Amino acid sequence: MPKLSIRPMISRDLALVAELYRQRSCVENSLHTPFISEDEWRSRVLHMGNDLQCLVACIDEQLVGHCCLTTYQNEPRRRHAATVGVVVDQSYRRQGIARAMLEEMIDTCDNWLGVTRIELEVFVSNPGAIALYRQLGFAEEGTMRHYAYRNGILEDAVIMARNQETVA
């Protein structure tokens, strides 16, 4: 039986993460553009420094998921908050991979970073993701109309957040 492992992203993962985001279903559910390169990922990771926590999910050493948490350590009034994003290889969806990565990030926020508010945006046309986020304690806070281009049209997105004091 294949074994899922969650671990920190390392430099040798950058090419595989870039490849993951070239999958149409991954890029269309994120704010990335198609064909983001390994060099662009490296630059992004180096630029963010300690404000960026990235995990990857592997099944038998094959990278199948990516999750990043961005904190606001240089913004004194937002140090309690972070944003999170997650993608899973289209061949491995609905197997608990996104949940496992998000649970690790939530634990990191709750127990190590002092982050009490985790935010995300999700396209309204992604009900599976919205349901998962609700199960993990995220609540809908509003809808952003015409949030971003997705497959050639402007699509709405839901703002969701998990506040530690409301899920404890």
N, C-alpha and C. Protein backbone atom coordinates (compact mmCIF):
# COMPACT_ATOMS: atom_id res chain seq x y z
N MET A 1 0.85 -1.18 0.00
CA MET A 1 0.00 0.00 0.00
C MET A 1 0.89 1.25 0.00
N PRO A 2 0.61 2.21 -0.87
CA PRO A 2 1.44 3.42 -0.93
C PRO A 2 1.36 4.20 0.38
N LYS A 3 2.48 4.80 0.75
CA LYS A 3 2.56 5.55 2.01
C LYS A 3 2.68 7.04 1.71
N LEU A 4 1.79 7.82 2.32
CA LEU A 4 1.82 9.27 2.20
C LEU A 4 2.77 9.83 3.23
N SER A 5 3.65 10.72 2.79
CA SER A 5 4.51 11.44 3.73
C SER A 5 4.40 12.93 3.44
N ILE A 6 4.42 13.71 4.50
CA ILE A 6 4.39 15.17 4.41
C ILE A 6 5.71 15.65 4.98
N ARG A 7 6.39 16.51 4.22
CA ARG A 7 7.69 17.00 4.68
C ARG A 7 7.90 18.42 4.16
N PRO A 8 8.89 19.13 4.72
CA PRO A 8 9.20 20.47 4.21
C PRO A 8 9.70 20.40 2.77
N MET A 9 9.36 21.40 1.99
CA MET A 9 9.87 21.50 0.63
C MET A 9 11.36 21.82 0.69
N ILE A 10 12.15 21.17 -0.13
CA ILE A 10 13.59 21.44 -0.23
C ILE A 10 13.92 21.84 -1.65
N SER A 11 15.12 22.34 -1.85
CA SER A 11 15.49 22.90 -3.15
C SER A 11 15.33 21.91 -4.30
N ARG A 12 15.60 20.63 -4.07
CA ARG A 12 15.47 19.68 -5.18
C ARG A 12 14.02 19.45 -5.58
N ASP A 13 13.07 19.92 -4.75
CA ASP A 13 11.64 19.79 -5.07
C ASP A 13 11.16 20.87 -6.04
N LEU A 14 11.92 21.93 -6.22
CA LEU A 14 11.43 23.08 -6.98
C LEU A 14 11.00 22.72 -8.40
N ALA A 15 11.76 21.89 -9.08
CA ALA A 15 11.39 21.49 -10.45
C ALA A 15 10.08 20.70 -10.44
N LEU A 16 9.91 19.84 -9.44
CA LEU A 16 8.70 19.03 -9.36
C LEU A 16 7.49 19.88 -8.99
N VAL A 17 7.69 20.88 -8.13
CA VAL A 17 6.60 21.79 -7.78
C VAL A 17 6.20 22.60 -9.00
N ALA A 18 7.18 23.09 -9.75
CA ALA A 18 6.88 23.83 -10.98
C ALA A 18 6.10 22.94 -11.95
N GLU A 19 6.50 21.69 -12.06
CA GLU A 19 5.80 20.74 -12.93
C GLU A 19 4.36 20.51 -12.46
N LEU A 20 4.18 20.41 -11.15
CA LEU A 20 2.84 20.23 -10.59
C LEU A 20 1.93 21.39 -10.99
N TYR A 21 2.44 22.61 -10.90
CA TYR A 21 1.64 23.79 -11.23
C TYR A 21 1.43 23.96 -12.74
N ARG A 22 2.08 23.15 -13.54
CA ARG A 22 1.80 23.18 -14.97
C ARG A 22 0.59 22.32 -15.33
N GLN A 23 0.13 21.50 -14.39
CA GLN A 23 -1.11 20.77 -14.63
C GLN A 23 -2.25 21.78 -14.69
N ARG A 24 -3.04 21.68 -15.72
CA ARG A 24 -4.10 22.66 -15.92
C ARG A 24 -4.98 22.82 -14.69
N SER A 25 -5.39 21.72 -14.09
CA SER A 25 -6.30 21.82 -12.94
C SER A 25 -5.63 22.44 -11.73
N CYS A 26 -4.31 22.34 -11.62
CA CYS A 26 -3.61 22.98 -10.50
C CYS A 26 -3.48 24.48 -10.73
N VAL A 27 -3.07 24.86 -11.92
CA VAL A 27 -2.89 26.28 -12.18
C VAL A 27 -4.22 27.02 -12.21
N GLU A 28 -5.28 26.37 -12.69
CA GLU A 28 -6.55 27.08 -12.78
C GLU A 28 -7.20 27.28 -11.40
N ASN A 29 -6.80 26.53 -10.41
CA ASN A 29 -7.34 26.72 -9.07
C ASN A 29 -6.41 27.52 -8.17
N SER A 30 -5.35 28.07 -8.74
CA SER A 30 -4.44 28.92 -7.98
C SER A 30 -4.37 30.28 -8.69
N LEU A 31 -3.55 31.16 -8.18
CA LEU A 31 -3.35 32.45 -8.84
C LEU A 31 -2.07 32.47 -9.66
N HIS A 32 -1.45 31.32 -9.82
CA HIS A 32 -0.24 31.24 -10.64
C HIS A 32 -0.60 31.26 -12.11
N THR A 33 0.38 31.54 -12.92
CA THR A 33 0.18 31.48 -14.36
C THR A 33 0.79 30.19 -14.88
N PRO A 34 0.33 29.72 -16.03
CA PRO A 34 0.91 28.49 -16.57
C PRO A 34 2.40 28.67 -16.84
N PHE A 35 3.11 27.59 -16.76
CA PHE A 35 4.52 27.52 -17.13
C PHE A 35 5.44 28.29 -16.20
N ILE A 36 5.07 28.38 -14.93
CA ILE A 36 5.99 28.97 -13.96
C ILE A 36 7.22 28.06 -13.88
N SER A 37 8.38 28.65 -13.90
CA SER A 37 9.61 27.87 -13.98
C SER A 37 10.17 27.55 -12.60
N GLU A 38 11.09 26.62 -12.60
CA GLU A 38 11.82 26.29 -11.38
C GLU A 38 12.54 27.52 -10.85
N ASP A 39 13.13 28.32 -11.74
CA ASP A 39 13.84 29.54 -11.33
C ASP A 39 12.88 30.54 -10.68
N GLU A 40 11.67 30.66 -11.22
CA GLU A 40 10.69 31.57 -10.63
C GLU A 40 10.30 31.09 -9.22
N TRP A 41 10.12 29.78 -9.05
CA TRP A 41 9.81 29.26 -7.72
C TRP A 41 10.96 29.54 -6.76
N ARG A 42 12.17 29.30 -7.21
CA ARG A 42 13.34 29.54 -6.35
C ARG A 42 13.39 31.01 -5.92
N SER A 43 13.19 31.92 -6.86
CA SER A 43 13.20 33.35 -6.56
C SER A 43 12.12 33.70 -5.54
N ARG A 44 10.95 33.15 -5.72
CA ARG A 44 9.83 33.42 -4.81
C ARG A 44 10.15 32.94 -3.40
N VAL A 45 10.67 31.73 -3.29
CA VAL A 45 11.01 31.17 -1.99
C VAL A 45 12.10 31.98 -1.31
N LEU A 46 13.13 32.35 -2.04
CA LEU A 46 14.22 33.14 -1.46
C LEU A 46 13.75 34.52 -1.05
N HIS A 47 12.89 35.13 -1.85
CA HIS A 47 12.38 36.47 -1.56
C HIS A 47 11.54 36.49 -0.27
N MET A 48 10.74 35.44 -0.06
CA MET A 48 9.85 35.41 1.10
C MET A 48 10.58 35.08 2.39
N GLY A 49 11.68 34.36 2.30
CA GLY A 49 12.45 34.03 3.50
C GLY A 49 11.63 33.31 4.54
N ASN A 50 11.73 33.77 5.80
CA ASN A 50 11.05 33.11 6.92
C ASN A 50 9.54 33.31 6.93
N ASP A 51 9.03 34.20 6.07
CA ASP A 51 7.58 34.41 6.01
C ASP A 51 6.88 33.29 5.24
N LEU A 52 7.63 32.40 4.63
CA LEU A 52 7.05 31.34 3.81
C LEU A 52 7.38 29.97 4.38
N GLN A 53 6.36 29.18 4.65
CA GLN A 53 6.51 27.80 5.09
C GLN A 53 5.91 26.93 4.00
N CYS A 54 6.68 26.04 3.41
CA CYS A 54 6.17 25.18 2.34
C CYS A 54 6.33 23.72 2.68
N LEU A 55 5.29 22.96 2.41
CA LEU A 55 5.30 21.52 2.57
C LEU A 55 5.05 20.85 1.23
N VAL A 56 5.53 19.64 1.09
CA VAL A 56 5.16 18.81 -0.05
C VAL A 56 4.62 17.50 0.49
N ALA A 57 3.74 16.89 -0.31
CA ALA A 57 3.21 15.57 -0.01
C ALA A 57 3.80 14.61 -1.03
N CYS A 58 4.25 13.47 -0.54
CA CYS A 58 4.83 12.46 -1.42
C CYS A 58 4.17 11.12 -1.16
N ILE A 59 3.96 10.37 -2.22
CA ILE A 59 3.53 8.98 -2.12
C ILE A 59 4.64 8.16 -2.74
N ASP A 60 5.25 7.33 -1.91
CA ASP A 60 6.38 6.52 -2.35
C ASP A 60 7.41 7.37 -3.10
N GLU A 61 7.78 8.48 -2.50
CA GLU A 61 8.80 9.40 -3.02
C GLU A 61 8.36 10.24 -4.22
N GLN A 62 7.14 10.05 -4.73
CA GLN A 62 6.64 10.88 -5.83
C GLN A 62 5.92 12.09 -5.26
N LEU A 63 6.32 13.29 -5.66
CA LEU A 63 5.69 14.51 -5.18
C LEU A 63 4.29 14.62 -5.78
N VAL A 64 3.27 14.70 -4.90
CA VAL A 64 1.88 14.72 -5.36
C VAL A 64 1.11 15.92 -4.82
N GLY A 65 1.73 16.75 -3.98
CA GLY A 65 1.03 17.90 -3.43
C GLY A 65 1.98 18.95 -2.92
N HIS A 66 1.47 20.17 -2.82
CA HIS A 66 2.26 21.32 -2.38
C HIS A 66 1.36 22.23 -1.57
N CYS A 67 1.86 22.73 -0.46
CA CYS A 67 1.09 23.62 0.41
C CYS A 67 2.03 24.70 0.95
N CYS A 68 1.63 25.95 0.83
CA CYS A 68 2.44 27.06 1.34
C CYS A 68 1.63 27.92 2.29
N LEU A 69 2.29 28.35 3.34
CA LEU A 69 1.74 29.27 4.31
C LEU A 69 2.60 30.51 4.31
N THR A 70 1.97 31.66 4.15
CA THR A 70 2.69 32.94 4.16
C THR A 70 2.28 33.72 5.40
N THR A 71 3.26 34.08 6.21
CA THR A 71 3.00 34.86 7.42
C THR A 71 3.34 36.32 7.14
N TYR A 72 3.04 37.16 8.11
CA TYR A 72 3.23 38.60 7.97
C TYR A 72 4.14 39.13 9.07
N GLN A 73 5.31 38.54 9.24
CA GLN A 73 6.20 38.91 10.32
C GLN A 73 6.70 40.35 10.23
N ASN A 74 6.72 40.91 9.03
CA ASN A 74 7.18 42.29 8.87
C ASN A 74 6.03 43.30 8.90
N GLU A 75 4.84 42.83 9.22
CA GLU A 75 3.67 43.71 9.35
C GLU A 75 3.14 43.57 10.78
N PRO A 76 3.57 44.43 11.69
CA PRO A 76 3.29 44.27 13.12
C PRO A 76 1.82 44.04 13.46
N ARG A 77 0.90 44.66 12.75
CA ARG A 77 -0.51 44.52 13.09
C ARG A 77 -1.15 43.28 12.47
N ARG A 78 -0.37 42.53 11.67
CA ARG A 78 -0.89 41.31 11.03
C ARG A 78 -0.07 40.07 11.39
N ARG A 79 0.77 40.19 12.40
CA ARG A 79 1.62 39.05 12.79
C ARG A 79 0.83 37.83 13.24
N HIS A 80 -0.40 38.02 13.63
CA HIS A 80 -1.25 36.92 14.10
C HIS A 80 -1.88 36.14 12.95
N ALA A 81 -1.71 36.62 11.72
CA ALA A 81 -2.42 36.06 10.56
C ALA A 81 -1.46 35.46 9.54
N ALA A 82 -2.01 34.58 8.71
CA ALA A 82 -1.25 33.97 7.62
C ALA A 82 -2.24 33.59 6.52
N THR A 83 -1.72 33.40 5.32
CA THR A 83 -2.54 32.89 4.22
C THR A 83 -2.00 31.53 3.82
N VAL A 84 -2.87 30.68 3.32
CA VAL A 84 -2.48 29.33 2.94
C VAL A 84 -3.02 29.00 1.55
N GLY A 85 -2.26 28.20 0.84
CA GLY A 85 -2.68 27.69 -0.46
C GLY A 85 -2.23 26.25 -0.60
N VAL A 86 -2.99 25.45 -1.32
CA VAL A 86 -2.68 24.03 -1.46
C VAL A 86 -3.11 23.54 -2.84
N VAL A 87 -2.30 22.68 -3.44
CA VAL A 87 -2.67 21.99 -4.68
C VAL A 87 -2.25 20.52 -4.56
N VAL A 88 -3.00 19.68 -5.27
CA VAL A 88 -2.73 18.25 -5.31
C VAL A 88 -2.76 17.80 -6.76
N ASP A 89 -1.81 16.95 -7.12
CA ASP A 89 -1.76 16.36 -8.45
C ASP A 89 -3.13 15.81 -8.82
N GLN A 90 -3.57 16.10 -10.04
CA GLN A 90 -4.91 15.71 -10.45
C GLN A 90 -5.16 14.20 -10.37
N SER A 91 -4.13 13.40 -10.42
CA SER A 91 -4.29 11.95 -10.35
C SER A 91 -4.42 11.44 -8.92
N TYR A 92 -4.23 12.32 -7.93
CA TYR A 92 -4.22 11.88 -6.53
C TYR A 92 -5.25 12.62 -5.68
N ARG A 93 -6.22 13.24 -6.30
CA ARG A 93 -7.22 14.00 -5.53
C ARG A 93 -8.19 13.08 -4.82
N ARG A 94 -8.83 13.64 -3.80
CA ARG A 94 -9.85 12.94 -3.01
C ARG A 94 -9.30 11.71 -2.29
N GLN A 95 -8.03 11.82 -1.88
CA GLN A 95 -7.40 10.74 -1.11
C GLN A 95 -6.88 11.25 0.24
N GLY A 96 -7.28 12.47 0.62
CA GLY A 96 -6.88 13.01 1.91
C GLY A 96 -5.55 13.74 1.92
N ILE A 97 -4.97 13.97 0.75
CA ILE A 97 -3.65 14.60 0.68
C ILE A 97 -3.72 16.07 1.06
N ALA A 98 -4.67 16.81 0.49
CA ALA A 98 -4.81 18.23 0.85
C ALA A 98 -5.12 18.37 2.34
N ARG A 99 -6.01 17.52 2.84
CA ARG A 99 -6.36 17.55 4.26
C ARG A 99 -5.12 17.34 5.12
N ALA A 100 -4.29 16.35 4.77
CA ALA A 100 -3.10 16.05 5.56
C ALA A 100 -2.14 17.24 5.59
N MET A 101 -1.93 17.88 4.44
CA MET A 101 -1.02 19.03 4.40
C MET A 101 -1.61 20.20 5.19
N LEU A 102 -2.90 20.46 5.03
CA LEU A 102 -3.53 21.56 5.75
C LEU A 102 -3.53 21.32 7.26
N GLU A 103 -3.75 20.09 7.68
CA GLU A 103 -3.71 19.78 9.11
C GLU A 103 -2.31 20.05 9.68
N GLU A 104 -1.27 19.73 8.92
CA GLU A 104 0.09 20.04 9.36
C GLU A 104 0.30 21.54 9.48
N MET A 105 -0.20 22.30 8.51
CA MET A 105 -0.04 23.76 8.56
C MET A 105 -0.83 24.36 9.71
N ILE A 106 -2.03 23.84 9.95
CA ILE A 106 -2.83 24.34 11.06
C ILE A 106 -2.12 24.06 12.38
N ASP A 107 -1.57 22.86 12.53
CA ASP A 107 -0.82 22.52 13.74
C ASP A 107 0.38 23.45 13.91
N THR A 108 1.08 23.73 12.82
CA THR A 108 2.24 24.64 12.88
C THR A 108 1.80 26.03 13.33
N CYS A 109 0.69 26.51 12.78
CA CYS A 109 0.18 27.82 13.18
C CYS A 109 -0.21 27.85 14.64
N ASP A 110 -0.98 26.83 15.06
CA ASP A 110 -1.52 26.79 16.43
C ASP A 110 -0.44 26.61 17.49
N ASN A 111 0.58 25.80 17.18
CA ASN A 111 1.52 25.39 18.21
C ASN A 111 2.93 25.92 18.10
N TRP A 112 3.27 26.53 16.98
CA TRP A 112 4.66 26.95 16.78
C TRP A 112 4.82 28.39 16.32
N LEU A 113 3.86 28.92 15.57
CA LEU A 113 4.04 30.25 14.99
C LEU A 113 3.25 31.35 15.69
N GLY A 114 2.33 30.99 16.55
CA GLY A 114 1.50 32.01 17.19
C GLY A 114 0.51 32.63 16.22
N VAL A 115 0.22 31.94 15.13
CA VAL A 115 -0.76 32.42 14.15
C VAL A 115 -2.13 31.97 14.61
N THR A 116 -3.03 32.92 14.80
CA THR A 116 -4.37 32.60 15.27
C THR A 116 -5.43 32.76 14.20
N ARG A 117 -5.05 33.28 13.04
CA ARG A 117 -5.98 33.48 11.92
C ARG A 117 -5.31 33.00 10.64
N ILE A 118 -5.94 32.03 9.96
CA ILE A 118 -5.43 31.54 8.68
C ILE A 118 -6.47 31.88 7.62
N GLU A 119 -6.02 32.54 6.57
CA GLU A 119 -6.91 33.02 5.52
C GLU A 119 -6.63 32.29 4.21
N LEU A 120 -7.67 32.25 3.36
CA LEU A 120 -7.50 31.72 2.01
C LEU A 120 -8.60 32.26 1.12
N GLU A 121 -8.37 32.14 -0.17
CA GLU A 121 -9.38 32.45 -1.17
C GLU A 121 -9.57 31.20 -2.00
N VAL A 122 -10.80 30.93 -2.40
CA VAL A 122 -11.11 29.75 -3.21
C VAL A 122 -12.16 30.14 -4.23
N PHE A 123 -11.97 29.70 -5.48
CA PHE A 123 -12.95 30.00 -6.51
C PHE A 123 -14.29 29.37 -6.17
N VAL A 124 -15.38 30.10 -6.44
CA VAL A 124 -16.72 29.61 -6.10
C VAL A 124 -17.05 28.31 -6.84
N SER A 125 -16.39 28.05 -7.94
CA SER A 125 -16.66 26.83 -8.72
C SER A 125 -15.90 25.62 -8.21
N ASN A 126 -15.32 25.70 -7.01
CA ASN A 126 -14.56 24.59 -6.43
C ASN A 126 -15.24 24.14 -5.13
N PRO A 127 -16.43 23.54 -5.23
CA PRO A 127 -17.18 23.17 -4.02
C PRO A 127 -16.49 22.11 -3.18
N GLY A 128 -15.70 21.24 -3.78
CA GLY A 128 -14.97 20.23 -3.01
C GLY A 128 -13.98 20.87 -2.05
N ALA A 129 -13.25 21.86 -2.54
CA ALA A 129 -12.29 22.56 -1.69
C ALA A 129 -13.00 23.34 -0.60
N ILE A 130 -14.09 24.00 -0.95
CA ILE A 130 -14.85 24.77 0.05
C ILE A 130 -15.33 23.84 1.16
N ALA A 131 -15.83 22.67 0.80
CA ALA A 131 -16.30 21.71 1.81
C ALA A 131 -15.15 21.26 2.72
N LEU A 132 -13.99 20.98 2.13
CA LEU A 132 -12.83 20.58 2.93
C LEU A 132 -12.45 21.68 3.91
N TYR A 133 -12.38 22.91 3.44
CA TYR A 133 -11.99 24.02 4.31
C TYR A 133 -12.99 24.18 5.45
N ARG A 134 -14.28 24.03 5.18
CA ARG A 134 -15.28 24.10 6.25
C ARG A 134 -15.03 23.01 7.30
N GLN A 135 -14.73 21.79 6.83
CA GLN A 135 -14.47 20.69 7.75
C GLN A 135 -13.28 20.97 8.65
N LEU A 136 -12.33 21.76 8.16
CA LEU A 136 -11.13 22.08 8.93
C LEU A 136 -11.29 23.34 9.78
N GLY A 137 -12.50 23.89 9.85
CA GLY A 137 -12.76 25.02 10.72
C GLY A 137 -12.73 26.38 10.05
N PHE A 138 -12.60 26.42 8.74
CA PHE A 138 -12.63 27.69 8.02
C PHE A 138 -14.09 28.10 7.82
N ALA A 139 -14.34 29.40 7.92
CA ALA A 139 -15.68 29.94 7.70
C ALA A 139 -15.64 30.95 6.56
N GLU A 140 -16.71 31.00 5.82
CA GLU A 140 -16.82 31.97 4.73
C GLU A 140 -17.02 33.36 5.30
N GLU A 141 -16.26 34.31 4.78
CA GLU A 141 -16.36 35.68 5.27
C GLU A 141 -16.88 36.64 4.21
N GLY A 142 -16.94 36.20 2.98
CA GLY A 142 -17.44 37.06 1.93
C GLY A 142 -17.08 36.54 0.56
N THR A 143 -17.60 37.21 -0.44
CA THR A 143 -17.33 36.84 -1.83
C THR A 143 -16.70 38.04 -2.54
N MET A 144 -15.63 37.76 -3.25
CA MET A 144 -14.98 38.79 -4.07
C MET A 144 -15.46 38.60 -5.49
N ARG A 145 -16.18 39.56 -6.00
CA ARG A 145 -16.72 39.49 -7.36
C ARG A 145 -15.62 39.74 -8.37
N HIS A 146 -15.64 38.95 -9.44
CA HIS A 146 -14.65 39.09 -10.52
C HIS A 146 -13.23 39.11 -9.96
N TYR A 147 -12.95 38.18 -9.10
CA TYR A 147 -11.68 38.12 -8.37
C TYR A 147 -10.48 37.94 -9.27
N ALA A 148 -10.53 36.98 -10.18
CA ALA A 148 -9.37 36.69 -11.02
C ALA A 148 -9.80 35.99 -12.30
N TYR A 149 -8.95 36.11 -13.30
CA TYR A 149 -9.19 35.37 -14.54
C TYR A 149 -8.94 33.90 -14.30
N ARG A 150 -9.85 33.09 -14.82
CA ARG A 150 -9.74 31.63 -14.73
C ARG A 150 -10.34 31.07 -16.00
N ASN A 151 -9.51 30.44 -16.79
CA ASN A 151 -9.96 29.89 -18.07
C ASN A 151 -10.63 30.94 -18.96
N GLY A 152 -10.06 32.13 -18.96
CA GLY A 152 -10.51 33.19 -19.86
C GLY A 152 -11.67 34.03 -19.39
N ILE A 153 -12.20 33.77 -18.20
CA ILE A 153 -13.29 34.60 -17.69
C ILE A 153 -12.97 35.04 -16.26
N LEU A 154 -13.54 36.16 -15.87
CA LEU A 154 -13.39 36.61 -14.48
C LEU A 154 -14.32 35.79 -13.60
N GLU A 155 -13.77 35.22 -12.54
CA GLU A 155 -14.57 34.37 -11.66
C GLU A 155 -14.53 34.91 -10.24
N ASP A 156 -15.62 34.69 -9.54
CA ASP A 156 -15.73 35.08 -8.15
C ASP A 156 -14.94 34.11 -7.26
N ALA A 157 -14.55 34.61 -6.11
CA ALA A 157 -13.88 33.76 -5.12
C ALA A 157 -14.47 34.04 -3.75
N VAL A 158 -14.44 33.01 -2.91
CA VAL A 158 -14.90 33.12 -1.54
C VAL A 158 -13.68 33.36 -0.65
N ILE A 159 -13.81 34.30 0.26
CA ILE A 159 -12.78 34.51 1.29
C ILE A 159 -13.19 33.64 2.48
N MET A 160 -12.24 32.84 2.96
CA MET A 160 -12.50 32.00 4.12
C MET A 160 -11.37 32.21 5.12
N ALA A 161 -11.69 32.03 6.40
CA ALA A 161 -10.66 32.15 7.43
C ALA A 161 -10.98 31.19 8.57
N ARG A 162 -9.91 30.77 9.21
CA ARG A 162 -10.00 29.93 10.41
C ARG A 162 -9.39 30.74 11.54
N ASN A 163 -10.23 31.09 12.51
CA ASN A 163 -9.77 31.84 13.68
C ASN A 163 -9.67 30.86 14.84
N GLN A 164 -8.49 30.78 15.43
CA GLN A 164 -8.21 29.79 16.46
C GLN A 164 -9.24 29.83 17.59
N GLU A 165 -9.63 31.01 18.03
CA GLU A 165 -10.54 31.09 19.16
C GLU A 165 -11.95 30.61 18.82
N THR A 166 -12.32 30.56 17.54
CA THR A 166 -13.67 30.10 17.19
C THR A 166 -13.72 28.60 16.93
N VAL A 167 -12.58 27.94 16.82
CA VAL A 167 -12.56 26.48 16.59
C VAL A 167 -12.07 25.71 17.80
N ALA A 168 -11.62 26.42 18.81
CA ALA A 168 -11.07 25.75 20.01
C ALA A 168 -12.17 25.14 20.84
